[in-house]
N, C-alpha and C. Protein backbone atom coordinates (compact mmCIF):
# COMPACT_ATOMS: atom_id res chain seq x y z
N MET A 1 6.04 1.48 -3.67
CA MET A 1 5.42 1.53 -2.37
C MET A 1 6.40 1.00 -1.34
N GLY A 2 7.15 1.84 -0.76
CA GLY A 2 8.10 1.42 0.25
C GLY A 2 9.48 1.10 -0.29
N GLU A 3 9.62 1.01 -1.61
CA GLU A 3 10.93 0.69 -2.18
C GLU A 3 11.96 1.73 -1.75
N GLY A 4 13.07 1.29 -1.19
CA GLY A 4 14.13 2.20 -0.80
C GLY A 4 13.86 2.97 0.49
N SER A 5 12.79 2.61 1.19
CA SER A 5 12.50 3.30 2.44
C SER A 5 12.74 2.35 3.61
N ALA A 6 12.61 2.86 4.81
CA ALA A 6 12.78 2.04 6.01
C ALA A 6 11.53 1.19 6.28
N LEU A 7 10.44 1.47 5.59
CA LEU A 7 9.20 0.72 5.78
C LEU A 7 9.17 -0.52 4.89
N PRO A 8 8.53 -1.58 5.34
CA PRO A 8 8.38 -2.75 4.48
C PRO A 8 7.50 -2.42 3.26
N VAL A 9 7.76 -3.07 2.16
CA VAL A 9 6.96 -2.88 0.96
C VAL A 9 5.52 -3.30 1.26
N GLY A 10 4.57 -2.48 0.83
CA GLY A 10 3.15 -2.80 0.98
C GLY A 10 2.48 -2.21 2.20
N VAL A 11 3.23 -1.55 3.06
CA VAL A 11 2.65 -0.96 4.26
C VAL A 11 1.88 0.31 3.88
N PRO A 12 0.59 0.39 4.23
CA PRO A 12 -0.14 1.64 3.98
C PRO A 12 0.37 2.75 4.89
N VAL A 13 0.57 3.92 4.32
CA VAL A 13 1.06 5.07 5.07
C VAL A 13 0.12 6.25 4.81
N PRO A 14 -0.42 6.87 5.85
CA PRO A 14 -1.26 8.05 5.63
C PRO A 14 -0.44 9.15 4.95
N TRP A 15 -1.06 9.83 3.99
CA TRP A 15 -0.37 10.90 3.28
C TRP A 15 -1.32 12.08 3.15
N PRO A 16 -0.88 13.31 3.43
CA PRO A 16 -1.78 14.46 3.50
C PRO A 16 -2.10 15.14 2.17
N SER A 17 -1.78 14.49 1.07
CA SER A 17 -1.96 15.12 -0.24
C SER A 17 -2.63 14.13 -1.18
N ALA A 18 -3.23 14.64 -2.25
CA ALA A 18 -3.87 13.77 -3.24
C ALA A 18 -2.86 13.03 -4.10
N THR A 19 -1.63 13.51 -4.12
CA THR A 19 -0.58 12.89 -4.94
C THR A 19 0.43 12.19 -4.04
N PRO A 20 0.60 10.87 -4.21
CA PRO A 20 1.57 10.16 -3.38
C PRO A 20 3.01 10.51 -3.78
N PRO A 21 3.96 10.27 -2.90
CA PRO A 21 5.36 10.51 -3.24
C PRO A 21 5.80 9.63 -4.42
N THR A 22 6.84 10.03 -5.10
CA THR A 22 7.38 9.26 -6.22
C THR A 22 7.68 7.83 -5.79
N GLY A 23 7.22 6.87 -6.58
CA GLY A 23 7.46 5.46 -6.30
C GLY A 23 6.42 4.82 -5.41
N TRP A 24 5.48 5.60 -4.91
CA TRP A 24 4.42 5.10 -4.04
C TRP A 24 3.11 5.08 -4.81
N LEU A 25 2.17 4.24 -4.37
CA LEU A 25 0.87 4.13 -5.03
C LEU A 25 -0.23 4.36 -4.01
N LYS A 26 -1.37 4.82 -4.49
CA LYS A 26 -2.53 5.01 -3.61
C LYS A 26 -3.18 3.66 -3.32
N CYS A 27 -3.70 3.50 -2.12
CA CYS A 27 -4.47 2.29 -1.76
C CYS A 27 -5.90 2.52 -2.21
N ASN A 28 -6.13 2.39 -3.52
CA ASN A 28 -7.44 2.67 -4.09
C ASN A 28 -8.03 1.48 -4.84
N GLY A 29 -7.51 0.29 -4.61
CA GLY A 29 -8.03 -0.91 -5.24
C GLY A 29 -7.57 -1.13 -6.67
N ALA A 30 -6.68 -0.28 -7.16
CA ALA A 30 -6.22 -0.38 -8.54
C ALA A 30 -5.31 -1.59 -8.75
N ALA A 31 -5.31 -2.09 -9.97
CA ALA A 31 -4.39 -3.16 -10.35
C ALA A 31 -3.01 -2.54 -10.60
N PHE A 32 -1.97 -3.34 -10.41
CA PHE A 32 -0.60 -2.87 -10.67
C PHE A 32 0.17 -3.97 -11.39
N SER A 33 1.28 -3.60 -11.99
CA SER A 33 2.10 -4.52 -12.77
C SER A 33 3.10 -5.25 -11.88
N SER A 34 3.10 -6.58 -11.96
CA SER A 34 4.08 -7.36 -11.20
C SER A 34 5.48 -7.18 -11.78
N GLU A 35 5.57 -6.83 -13.05
CA GLU A 35 6.88 -6.57 -13.66
C GLU A 35 7.46 -5.26 -13.15
N LYS A 36 6.61 -4.26 -12.97
CA LYS A 36 7.07 -2.96 -12.48
C LYS A 36 7.27 -2.96 -10.97
N TYR A 37 6.44 -3.73 -10.24
CA TYR A 37 6.49 -3.76 -8.77
C TYR A 37 6.57 -5.21 -8.27
N PRO A 38 7.67 -5.92 -8.55
CA PRO A 38 7.76 -7.34 -8.17
C PRO A 38 7.67 -7.59 -6.66
N ASN A 39 8.25 -6.72 -5.85
CA ASN A 39 8.18 -6.91 -4.40
C ASN A 39 6.78 -6.66 -3.87
N LEU A 40 6.08 -5.72 -4.47
CA LEU A 40 4.70 -5.46 -4.08
C LEU A 40 3.81 -6.64 -4.44
N ALA A 41 4.11 -7.31 -5.55
CA ALA A 41 3.35 -8.48 -5.97
C ALA A 41 3.48 -9.63 -4.97
N LYS A 42 4.58 -9.68 -4.24
CA LYS A 42 4.74 -10.71 -3.20
C LYS A 42 3.80 -10.45 -2.03
N VAL A 43 3.55 -9.18 -1.74
CA VAL A 43 2.67 -8.80 -0.64
C VAL A 43 1.20 -8.89 -1.06
N TYR A 44 0.91 -8.48 -2.28
CA TYR A 44 -0.45 -8.49 -2.82
C TYR A 44 -0.46 -9.35 -4.09
N PRO A 45 -0.49 -10.68 -3.94
CA PRO A 45 -0.40 -11.58 -5.11
C PRO A 45 -1.58 -11.49 -6.07
N THR A 46 -2.68 -10.86 -5.66
CA THR A 46 -3.80 -10.67 -6.58
C THR A 46 -3.51 -9.55 -7.59
N LEU A 47 -2.39 -8.84 -7.37
CA LEU A 47 -1.97 -7.71 -8.19
C LEU A 47 -2.97 -6.55 -8.13
N LYS A 48 -3.68 -6.47 -7.01
CA LYS A 48 -4.58 -5.35 -6.75
C LYS A 48 -4.21 -4.75 -5.41
N LEU A 49 -4.17 -3.43 -5.36
CA LEU A 49 -3.89 -2.73 -4.11
C LEU A 49 -5.11 -2.79 -3.21
N PRO A 50 -4.91 -2.70 -1.90
CA PRO A 50 -6.08 -2.61 -1.03
C PRO A 50 -6.84 -1.31 -1.32
N ASP A 51 -8.14 -1.34 -1.10
CA ASP A 51 -8.95 -0.14 -1.33
C ASP A 51 -9.30 0.47 0.02
N LEU A 52 -8.58 1.52 0.38
CA LEU A 52 -8.81 2.18 1.66
C LEU A 52 -9.58 3.49 1.50
N ARG A 53 -10.16 3.71 0.33
CA ARG A 53 -10.95 4.94 0.13
C ARG A 53 -12.14 4.93 1.10
N GLY A 54 -12.29 6.00 1.85
CA GLY A 54 -13.39 6.13 2.79
C GLY A 54 -13.22 5.28 4.04
N GLU A 55 -12.07 4.68 4.21
CA GLU A 55 -11.79 3.82 5.37
C GLU A 55 -10.74 4.49 6.24
N PHE A 56 -10.50 3.91 7.40
CA PHE A 56 -9.42 4.39 8.25
C PHE A 56 -8.67 3.19 8.79
N ILE A 57 -7.40 3.37 9.10
CA ILE A 57 -6.56 2.31 9.64
C ILE A 57 -6.77 2.28 11.15
N ARG A 58 -7.05 1.09 11.68
CA ARG A 58 -7.29 0.94 13.11
C ARG A 58 -6.37 -0.12 13.65
N GLY A 59 -5.81 0.12 14.81
CA GLY A 59 -4.93 -0.87 15.45
C GLY A 59 -5.71 -2.08 15.93
N TRP A 60 -5.11 -3.24 15.84
CA TRP A 60 -5.71 -4.49 16.31
C TRP A 60 -5.68 -4.49 17.83
N ASP A 61 -6.76 -4.93 18.47
CA ASP A 61 -6.81 -4.85 19.94
C ASP A 61 -6.18 -6.05 20.63
N ASP A 62 -5.83 -7.10 19.90
CA ASP A 62 -5.19 -8.29 20.47
C ASP A 62 -5.94 -8.83 21.68
N GLY A 63 -7.27 -8.77 21.63
CA GLY A 63 -8.08 -9.34 22.71
C GLY A 63 -8.11 -8.50 23.97
N ARG A 64 -7.72 -7.27 23.89
CA ARG A 64 -7.67 -6.39 25.05
C ARG A 64 -9.01 -6.20 25.69
């Protein structure tokens, strides 16, 4: 998830297909291996991905 890209590891990115790009994971609440994804484990220390199924990403209003 973000390894080798310009994005920080762990950043959710909208994707128009059911299959994520190679090296990326779906934000579906699944557990992942800290041995396989050590940098992702730093971002999500519970070793579970966020579950964004049925949700949408919204910008923070910063008190606007």
